[in-house]
N, C-alpha and C. Protein backbone atom coordinates (compact mmCIF):
# COMPACT_ATOMS: atom_id res chain seq x y z
N UNK A 1 5.54 -3.11 -34.60
CA UNK A 1 5.37 -2.53 -33.83
C UNK A 1 5.43 -2.97 -32.45
N UNK A 2 5.99 -2.66 -31.26
CA UNK A 2 6.62 -3.62 -30.03
C UNK A 2 5.20 -3.47 -29.29
N UNK A 3 5.35 -4.31 -28.15
CA UNK A 3 4.56 -4.86 -27.03
C UNK A 3 3.75 -3.30 -26.50
N UNK A 4 4.96 -2.10 -26.16
CA UNK A 4 4.95 -1.51 -25.42
C UNK A 4 3.79 0.00 -25.86
N UNK A 5 4.11 -0.37 -26.76
CA UNK A 5 3.39 0.88 -27.95
C UNK A 5 2.15 0.18 -28.71
N UNK A 6 1.69 -1.56 -28.47
CA UNK A 6 0.67 -1.69 -28.85
C UNK A 6 -0.70 -1.36 -28.19
N UNK A 7 -1.78 -0.79 -29.87
CA UNK A 7 -2.85 -0.14 -29.20
C UNK A 7 -3.49 -1.26 -27.88
N UNK A 8 -4.51 -0.99 -26.65
CA UNK A 8 -5.44 -1.91 -26.07
C UNK A 8 -6.46 -2.19 -26.76
N UNK A 9 -7.01 -3.47 -26.59
CA UNK A 9 -7.99 -3.44 -27.34
C UNK A 9 -9.26 -2.76 -26.44
N UNK A 10 -10.44 -2.49 -27.11
CA UNK A 10 -11.71 -1.93 -26.25
C UNK A 10 -11.87 -3.12 -25.48
N UNK A 11 -12.29 -2.49 -24.27
CA UNK A 11 -12.70 -4.01 -23.39
C UNK A 11 -14.23 -4.21 -23.87
N UNK A 12 -14.69 -5.47 -23.15
CA UNK A 12 -15.90 -6.19 -23.40
C UNK A 12 -16.40 -5.05 -22.67
N UNK A 13 -18.09 -5.21 -23.19
CA UNK A 13 -19.09 -4.43 -22.26
C UNK A 13 -19.71 -4.73 -21.13
N UNK A 14 -19.10 -4.03 -20.24
CA UNK A 14 -19.82 -4.93 -19.11
C UNK A 14 -21.36 -4.30 -18.87
N UNK A 15 -22.43 -5.05 -17.96
CA UNK A 15 -23.14 -4.08 -17.74
C UNK A 15 -22.88 -2.96 -16.69
N UNK A 16 -23.84 -2.29 -16.96
CA UNK A 16 -23.99 -1.01 -16.30
C UNK A 16 -23.45 -1.24 -14.90
N UNK A 17 -24.35 -1.99 -14.03
CA UNK A 17 -23.99 -2.20 -12.81
C UNK A 17 -22.71 -2.41 -12.29
N UNK A 18 -21.96 -3.42 -13.12
CA UNK A 18 -20.32 -3.72 -13.13
C UNK A 18 -19.43 -3.06 -13.57
N UNK A 19 -19.75 -2.42 -14.31
CA UNK A 19 -18.65 -1.07 -14.62
C UNK A 19 -18.90 -0.02 -13.82
N UNK A 20 -19.44 0.31 -13.24
CA UNK A 20 -20.18 1.40 -11.98
C UNK A 20 -19.35 0.72 -11.00
N UNK A 21 -19.22 -0.36 -10.28
CA UNK A 21 -18.77 -1.22 -9.08
C UNK A 21 -17.39 -0.61 -9.50
N UNK A 22 -16.50 -1.17 -10.68
CA UNK A 22 -15.51 -0.91 -11.24
C UNK A 22 -14.60 0.03 -10.70
N UNK A 23 -15.52 1.55 -11.49
CA UNK A 23 -15.29 2.66 -11.25
C UNK A 23 -15.32 3.27 -9.90
N UNK A 24 -16.08 2.56 -9.00
CA UNK A 24 -16.23 2.76 -7.43
C UNK A 24 -15.29 2.34 -6.76
N UNK A 25 -15.04 1.58 -7.16
CA UNK A 25 -13.97 0.72 -6.55
C UNK A 25 -12.18 1.02 -7.05
N UNK A 26 -12.06 1.80 -8.16
CA UNK A 26 -10.90 2.30 -8.35
C UNK A 26 -11.05 3.91 -7.73
N UNK A 27 -12.01 4.49 -7.54
CA UNK A 27 -11.71 5.30 -7.00
C UNK A 27 -11.26 5.47 -5.27
N UNK A 28 -12.21 4.29 -4.84
CA UNK A 28 -12.07 3.85 -3.12
C UNK A 28 -10.58 3.58 -3.30
N UNK A 29 -9.91 2.55 -4.14
CA UNK A 29 -8.16 2.35 -3.76
C UNK A 29 -7.54 3.26 -4.08
N UNK A 30 -7.99 4.63 -4.74
CA UNK A 30 -7.17 5.82 -4.67
C UNK A 30 -7.20 6.40 -3.17
N UNK A 31 -8.28 6.45 -2.82
CA UNK A 31 -8.21 7.05 -1.18
C UNK A 31 -7.66 6.36 -0.59
N UNK A 32 -8.14 5.02 -0.30
CA UNK A 32 -7.55 3.74 0.67
C UNK A 32 -5.77 4.09 0.86
N UNK A 33 -5.31 4.11 -0.68
CA UNK A 33 -3.99 4.81 -0.80
C UNK A 33 -3.71 5.87 -0.41
N UNK A 34 -4.40 7.17 -0.67
CA UNK A 34 -3.60 7.83 0.40
C UNK A 34 -3.98 7.86 1.82
N UNK A 35 -4.46 7.37 2.38
CA UNK A 35 -4.78 6.69 3.66
C UNK A 35 -3.43 6.09 4.50
N UNK A 36 -3.36 4.89 3.71
CA UNK A 36 -1.90 4.49 3.92
C UNK A 36 -0.76 5.01 3.69
N UNK A 37 -0.92 5.52 2.85
CA UNK A 37 0.85 6.61 2.72
C UNK A 37 0.86 7.64 3.79
N UNK A 38 -0.24 8.38 4.18
CA UNK A 38 -0.02 9.22 5.03
C UNK A 38 -0.02 8.63 6.64
N UNK A 39 -0.33 7.49 6.85
CA UNK A 39 -0.23 6.58 8.13
C UNK A 39 1.11 5.87 8.09
N UNK A 40 1.33 5.51 7.07
CA UNK A 40 3.13 4.99 6.63
C UNK A 40 4.39 5.80 7.47
N UNK A 41 3.57 7.29 7.19
CA UNK A 41 4.64 8.36 7.35
C UNK A 41 4.93 8.76 8.94
N UNK A 42 3.67 8.01 9.55
CA UNK A 42 3.80 8.30 11.16
C UNK A 42 5.08 8.08 11.49
N UNK A 43 5.84 7.13 11.20
CA UNK A 43 7.22 6.65 12.02
C UNK A 43 8.21 7.65 11.83
N UNK A 44 7.98 8.27 10.77
CA UNK A 44 8.99 9.53 10.84
C UNK A 44 9.57 9.98 12.36
N UNK A 45 8.69 10.33 12.79
CA UNK A 45 9.65 10.46 14.45
C UNK A 45 10.60 9.90 15.12
N UNK A 46 10.11 8.59 14.95
CA UNK A 46 11.13 7.33 15.24
C UNK A 46 12.06 7.54 14.63
N UNK A 47 12.16 7.47 13.02
CA UNK A 47 13.25 7.80 12.35
C UNK A 47 14.04 8.94 12.68
N UNK A 48 13.70 10.02 12.75
CA UNK A 48 14.49 11.41 13.44
C UNK A 48 15.33 10.98 14.80
N UNK A 49 14.34 10.46 15.62
CA UNK A 49 14.68 10.19 17.00
C UNK A 49 15.47 9.50 16.86
N UNK A 50 15.87 8.10 16.21
CA UNK A 50 16.53 7.08 15.92
C UNK A 50 18.01 7.83 15.61
N UNK A 51 17.80 8.33 14.14
CA UNK A 51 19.01 8.98 13.60
C UNK A 51 19.46 10.30 14.67
N UNK A 52 18.97 10.85 15.69
CA UNK A 52 20.06 11.48 16.54
C UNK A 52 20.40 10.81 17.88
N UNK A 53 19.93 9.86 18.03
CA UNK A 53 20.42 8.96 19.08
C UNK A 53 21.99 8.14 18.32
N UNK A 54 21.92 7.83 17.10
CA UNK A 54 22.86 7.20 16.32
C UNK A 54 23.97 8.26 15.89
N UNK A 55 23.86 9.64 15.83
CA UNK A 55 24.76 10.75 15.53
C UNK A 55 25.19 11.44 16.71
N UNK A 56 24.12 10.84 17.82
CA UNK A 56 25.10 11.67 19.34
C UNK A 56 24.53 12.92 19.38
N UNK A 57 23.45 13.37 19.07
CA UNK A 57 22.97 15.00 18.84
C UNK A 57 21.99 14.69 20.53
N UNK A 58 21.49 13.40 20.31
CA UNK A 58 20.18 13.55 21.78
C UNK A 58 21.54 13.15 22.70
N UNK A 59 20.83 14.05 23.75
CA UNK A 59 21.92 13.91 25.16
C UNK A 59 21.13 12.87 25.70
N UNK A 60 22.11 11.66 25.93
CA UNK A 60 21.49 10.48 26.68
C UNK A 60 22.94 10.42 27.36
N UNK A 61 22.09 9.82 28.93
CA UNK A 61 23.49 9.77 29.93
C UNK A 61 24.26 8.56 29.55
N UNK A 62 25.49 8.40 29.19
CA UNK A 62 26.08 7.36 28.43
C UNK A 62 26.98 7.04 30.21
N UNK A 63 26.93 7.29 30.99
CA UNK A 63 27.56 6.72 32.12
C UNK A 63 26.50 6.19 33.48
N UNK A 64 25.26 6.00 32.84
CA UNK A 64 24.31 5.81 33.99
C UNK A 64 24.36 3.80 33.62
N UNK A 65 24.93 3.58 34.89
CA UNK A 65 24.88 2.08 35.37
C UNK A 65 24.10 1.36 35.05
N UNK A 66 22.83 1.93 35.07
CA UNK A 66 21.37 1.21 34.62
C UNK A 66 20.90 0.75 32.94
N UNK A 67 22.07 1.71 32.49
CA UNK A 67 22.09 1.19 30.83
C UNK A 67 22.85 0.25 30.38
N UNK A 68 22.05 -0.87 30.08
CA UNK A 68 22.49 -2.11 29.70
C UNK A 68 22.95 -1.98 27.74
N UNK A 69 21.95 -1.06 27.23
CA UNK A 69 22.53 -0.90 25.78
C UNK A 69 22.89 0.34 25.59
N UNK A 70 23.98 -0.02 24.47
CA UNK A 70 24.38 1.73 23.92
C UNK A 70 23.43 2.41 23.28
N UNK A 71 23.42 3.68 23.40
CA UNK A 71 22.15 4.74 23.21
C UNK A 71 22.33 4.53 21.48
N UNK A 72 23.30 3.78 20.34
CA UNK A 72 23.86 4.12 19.29
C UNK A 72 23.10 2.86 18.58
N UNK A 73 22.86 1.54 19.42
CA UNK A 73 22.56 0.37 19.26
C UNK A 73 20.80 0.39 19.04
N UNK A 74 20.56 1.04 19.98
CA UNK A 74 18.58 1.27 20.50
C UNK A 74 18.44 2.23 19.36
N UNK A 75 19.32 3.48 18.58
CA UNK A 75 19.20 4.60 17.45
C UNK A 75 18.93 3.58 16.34
N UNK A 76 20.13 2.79 16.07
CA UNK A 76 20.05 1.71 14.99
C UNK A 76 19.06 1.11 14.76
N UNK A 77 18.21 0.37 16.05
CA UNK A 77 16.53 -0.35 16.41
C UNK A 77 16.00 0.30 15.57
N UNK A 78 15.77 1.75 16.08
CA UNK A 78 14.81 2.77 15.79
C UNK A 78 14.68 3.15 14.47
N UNK A 79 16.01 3.16 13.84
CA UNK A 79 16.25 3.53 12.58
C UNK A 79 15.88 2.19 11.48
N UNK A 80 16.05 1.25 11.70
CA UNK A 80 15.89 0.11 11.01
C UNK A 80 14.14 -0.05 10.94
N UNK A 81 13.72 -0.26 12.10
CA UNK A 81 12.31 -0.24 12.26
C UNK A 81 11.20 0.71 11.62
N UNK A 82 11.86 2.04 11.76
CA UNK A 82 10.68 3.06 11.12
C UNK A 82 11.16 2.88 9.70
N UNK A 83 12.27 2.75 9.12
CA UNK A 83 12.55 2.56 7.68
C UNK A 83 11.94 1.41 7.18
N UNK A 84 11.84 0.50 7.86
CA UNK A 84 10.89 -0.84 7.36
C UNK A 84 9.72 -0.65 6.88
N UNK A 85 8.68 0.21 7.80
CA UNK A 85 7.59 0.42 8.35
C UNK A 85 7.47 1.36 7.01
N UNK A 86 7.83 2.25 7.34
CA UNK A 86 8.03 3.29 6.32
C UNK A 86 7.84 2.92 4.90
N UNK A 87 9.12 1.86 4.40
CA UNK A 87 9.40 1.67 3.09
C UNK A 87 8.10 1.01 2.67
N UNK A 88 8.04 -0.45 3.30
CA UNK A 88 6.43 -1.21 3.05
C UNK A 88 5.08 -0.42 2.95
N UNK A 89 5.06 0.85 3.76
CA UNK A 89 3.82 1.42 3.82
C UNK A 89 3.48 2.15 2.48
N UNK A 90 4.44 2.74 2.32
CA UNK A 90 4.13 3.76 0.51
C UNK A 90 4.33 2.75 -0.25
N UNK A 91 5.59 1.44 -0.25
CA UNK A 91 4.93 0.31 -1.23
C UNK A 91 3.54 -0.16 -1.42
N UNK A 92 3.06 -0.53 -0.39
CA UNK A 92 1.58 -0.94 -0.39
C UNK A 92 0.96 0.40 -1.03
N UNK A 93 0.72 1.78 -0.61
CA UNK A 93 0.35 2.60 -0.93
C UNK A 93 0.49 2.75 -2.39
N UNK A 94 1.81 2.39 -3.30
CA UNK A 94 2.24 2.61 -4.55
C UNK A 94 1.39 1.30 -5.04
N UNK A 95 1.26 0.15 -4.95
CA UNK A 95 0.24 -0.93 -4.97
C UNK A 95 -1.11 -0.79 -5.14
N UNK A 96 -1.55 0.20 -4.09
CA UNK A 96 -3.15 0.31 -4.31
C UNK A 96 -3.38 1.38 -5.13
N UNK A 97 -2.17 2.44 -5.36
CA UNK A 97 -2.30 3.12 -6.60
C UNK A 97 -2.85 2.62 -7.86
N UNK A 98 -1.55 1.50 -8.05
CA UNK A 98 -1.61 1.14 -9.38
C UNK A 98 -2.83 0.27 -9.78
N UNK A 99 -3.14 -0.69 -8.60
CA UNK A 99 -4.39 -1.34 -8.64
C UNK A 99 -5.34 -0.93 -9.12
N UNK A 100 -5.53 0.59 -8.57
CA UNK A 100 -6.83 1.52 -8.47
C UNK A 100 -6.68 1.72 -10.22
N UNK A 101 -6.25 2.22 -10.83
CA UNK A 101 -5.76 2.44 -12.12
C UNK A 101 -6.03 1.46 -13.07
N UNK A 102 -5.66 -0.01 -12.71
CA UNK A 102 -5.74 -1.42 -13.43
C UNK A 102 -7.19 -1.44 -13.49
N UNK A 103 -7.56 -1.49 -12.29
CA UNK A 103 -9.02 -1.45 -12.20
C UNK A 103 -9.73 -0.49 -12.90
N UNK A 104 -9.59 0.37 -12.86
CA UNK A 104 -10.52 1.51 -14.62
C UNK A 104 -10.16 1.40 -15.60
N UNK A 105 -8.80 0.81 -15.98
CA UNK A 105 -8.55 0.41 -17.44
C UNK A 105 -8.87 -1.14 -17.80
N UNK A 106 -9.39 -2.22 -16.50
CA UNK A 106 -9.67 -3.57 -16.63
C UNK A 106 -8.43 -4.42 -17.31
N UNK A 107 -7.33 -3.78 -16.43
CA UNK A 107 -6.09 -4.58 -16.68
C UNK A 107 -5.71 -5.52 -15.58
N UNK A 108 -4.75 -6.36 -15.76
CA UNK A 108 -4.10 -7.07 -14.70
C UNK A 108 -5.02 -7.32 -13.87
N UNK A 109 -5.97 -8.51 -13.82
CA UNK A 109 -6.91 -9.43 -12.83
C UNK A 109 -6.10 -9.61 -11.78
N UNK A 110 -5.10 -10.93 -11.89
CA UNK A 110 -4.13 -11.13 -10.79
C UNK A 110 -3.68 -10.32 -9.99
N UNK A 111 -3.03 -9.05 -10.61
CA UNK A 111 -2.75 -8.27 -9.38
C UNK A 111 -3.57 -7.71 -8.72
N UNK A 112 -4.55 -7.02 -9.30
CA UNK A 112 -6.25 -6.62 -8.96
C UNK A 112 -6.52 -7.18 -7.29
N UNK A 113 -6.47 -8.69 -7.64
CA UNK A 113 -6.95 -9.61 -6.60
C UNK A 113 -6.29 -9.70 -5.67
N UNK A 114 -4.56 -9.61 -5.72
CA UNK A 114 -3.53 -9.88 -5.03
C UNK A 114 -3.74 -8.64 -3.82
N UNK A 115 -3.77 -7.60 -4.25
CA UNK A 115 -3.71 -6.39 -3.34
C UNK A 115 -5.01 -6.27 -2.53
N UNK A 116 -6.26 -6.77 -3.57
CA UNK A 116 -7.06 -6.94 -2.56
C UNK A 116 -7.21 -7.60 -1.62
N UNK A 117 -6.66 -8.92 -1.12
CA UNK A 117 -6.29 -9.41 -0.52
C UNK A 117 -5.23 -9.21 0.55
N UNK A 118 -4.40 -8.18 0.09
CA UNK A 118 -3.13 -7.66 0.83
C UNK A 118 -4.55 -6.35 1.60
N UNK A 119 -4.99 -6.14 1.41
CA UNK A 119 -5.75 -4.69 1.69
C UNK A 119 -6.64 -5.09 2.65
N UNK A 120 -7.03 -6.52 2.79
CA UNK A 120 -8.15 -7.06 3.85
C UNK A 120 -7.81 -6.89 5.11
N UNK A 121 -5.87 -6.54 5.26
CA UNK A 121 -5.16 -7.10 6.29
C UNK A 121 -5.31 -5.43 7.28
N UNK A 122 -5.40 -4.22 6.54
CA UNK A 122 -5.82 -3.40 6.85
C UNK A 122 -7.35 -2.94 7.43
N UNK A 123 -7.61 -3.35 9.13
CA UNK A 123 -8.82 -3.16 9.12
C UNK A 123 -9.04 -1.70 9.74
N UNK A 124 -10.33 -0.49 9.36
CA UNK A 124 -11.51 -1.48 9.04
C UNK A 124 -11.62 -1.38 7.39
N UNK A 125 -11.04 0.26 7.02
CA UNK A 125 -11.41 0.13 5.91
C UNK A 125 -10.79 -0.78 4.76
N UNK A 126 -9.65 -1.45 4.95
CA UNK A 126 -8.99 -1.79 3.85
C UNK A 126 -10.14 -2.90 3.84
N UNK A 127 -10.08 -3.53 4.74
CA UNK A 127 -11.08 -4.94 5.03
C UNK A 127 -12.09 -4.85 4.14
N UNK A 128 -13.07 -3.73 4.19
CA UNK A 128 -14.30 -3.96 3.32
C UNK A 128 -14.20 -3.21 1.75
N UNK A 129 -12.65 -2.50 1.80
CA UNK A 129 -12.62 -2.31 0.09
C UNK A 129 -12.22 -3.77 -0.19
N UNK A 130 -11.55 -4.53 0.33
CA UNK A 130 -10.67 -5.53 -0.06
C UNK A 130 -11.80 -6.83 -0.92
N UNK A 131 -13.10 -6.74 0.65
CA UNK A 131 -14.12 -7.66 0.39
C UNK A 131 -14.63 -7.55 -0.87
N UNK A 132 -15.57 -6.21 -1.03
CA UNK A 132 -16.06 -6.00 -2.13
C UNK A 132 -15.14 -6.15 -3.63
N UNK A 133 -13.75 -5.61 -3.64
CA UNK A 133 -13.21 -5.54 -4.67
C UNK A 133 -12.89 -7.13 -4.97
N UNK A 134 -12.86 -7.99 -3.95
CA UNK A 134 -12.56 -9.65 -4.53
C UNK A 134 -14.40 -10.23 -4.90
N UNK A 135 -14.99 -9.36 -4.48
CA UNK A 135 -16.82 -10.09 -4.47
C UNK A 135 -16.72 -9.59 -5.76
N UNK A 136 -16.38 -8.42 -6.20
CA UNK A 136 -16.50 -7.82 -7.59
C UNK A 136 -15.51 -8.53 -9.01
N UNK A 137 -14.56 -8.89 -8.35
CA UNK A 137 -13.67 -9.34 -9.15
C UNK A 137 -13.95 -11.00 -9.76
N UNK A 138 -14.59 -11.38 -8.92
CA UNK A 138 -14.49 -12.55 -9.00
C UNK A 138 -15.74 -13.41 -9.95
N UNK A 139 -16.46 -12.28 -10.17
CA UNK A 139 -17.80 -12.55 -11.09
C UNK A 139 -17.32 -12.67 -12.36
N UNK A 140 -18.09 -13.60 -13.01
CA UNK A 140 -17.27 -14.45 -14.66
C UNK A 140 -17.80 -13.36 -15.35
N UNK A 141 -18.72 -12.46 -15.30
CA UNK A 141 -18.58 -11.48 -16.60
C UNK A 141 -17.46 -10.37 -16.38
N UNK A 142 -17.37 -9.87 -15.11
CA UNK A 142 -16.37 -9.01 -14.80
C UNK A 142 -14.74 -9.61 -15.33
N UNK A 143 -14.74 -11.07 -14.85
CA UNK A 143 -13.40 -11.56 -15.15
C UNK A 143 -13.00 -11.72 -16.39
N UNK A 144 -14.27 -11.85 -17.11
CA UNK A 144 -13.99 -12.16 -18.82
C UNK A 144 -13.62 -10.57 -19.53
N UNK A 145 -13.90 -9.74 -18.48
CA UNK A 145 -13.99 -8.10 -19.29
C UNK A 145 -12.34 -7.81 -19.08
N UNK A 146 -11.36 -8.54 -18.11
CA UNK A 146 -10.34 -8.56 -17.61
C UNK A 146 -9.44 -8.87 -18.82
N UNK A 147 -9.86 -9.73 -19.62
CA UNK A 147 -9.19 -10.89 -20.72
C UNK A 147 -9.07 -10.09 -22.24
């Protein structure tokens, strides 16, 4: 039998309080991932504006002597930064969903710790969720349940 289809051993029995904390943390990871995904789509406006500048569909006065940069160059900056922001935000949201799933299944302890640390940078809700996740995951009985 290969490793992909191998049966997952049943998790160790946790105290009811710790099991409840892991369940709640899993749900909150899903909620915060939804908010992260939503807010990471805000630069779509900048992306569309940059694409309009690059394609020439946005009326810009190119004969203005005060214009120091080509409108297409500015458009490429808009496209690049919006694309990077959207990609990073959606990737983080995907990792948060996966970490929530791993918390519910009590798998991938290190990944859950890393995602909790990264989510601490997202003030204020990510910080609260990240700190509580770190506190719960660093308990010895919870760490043993992930093994």
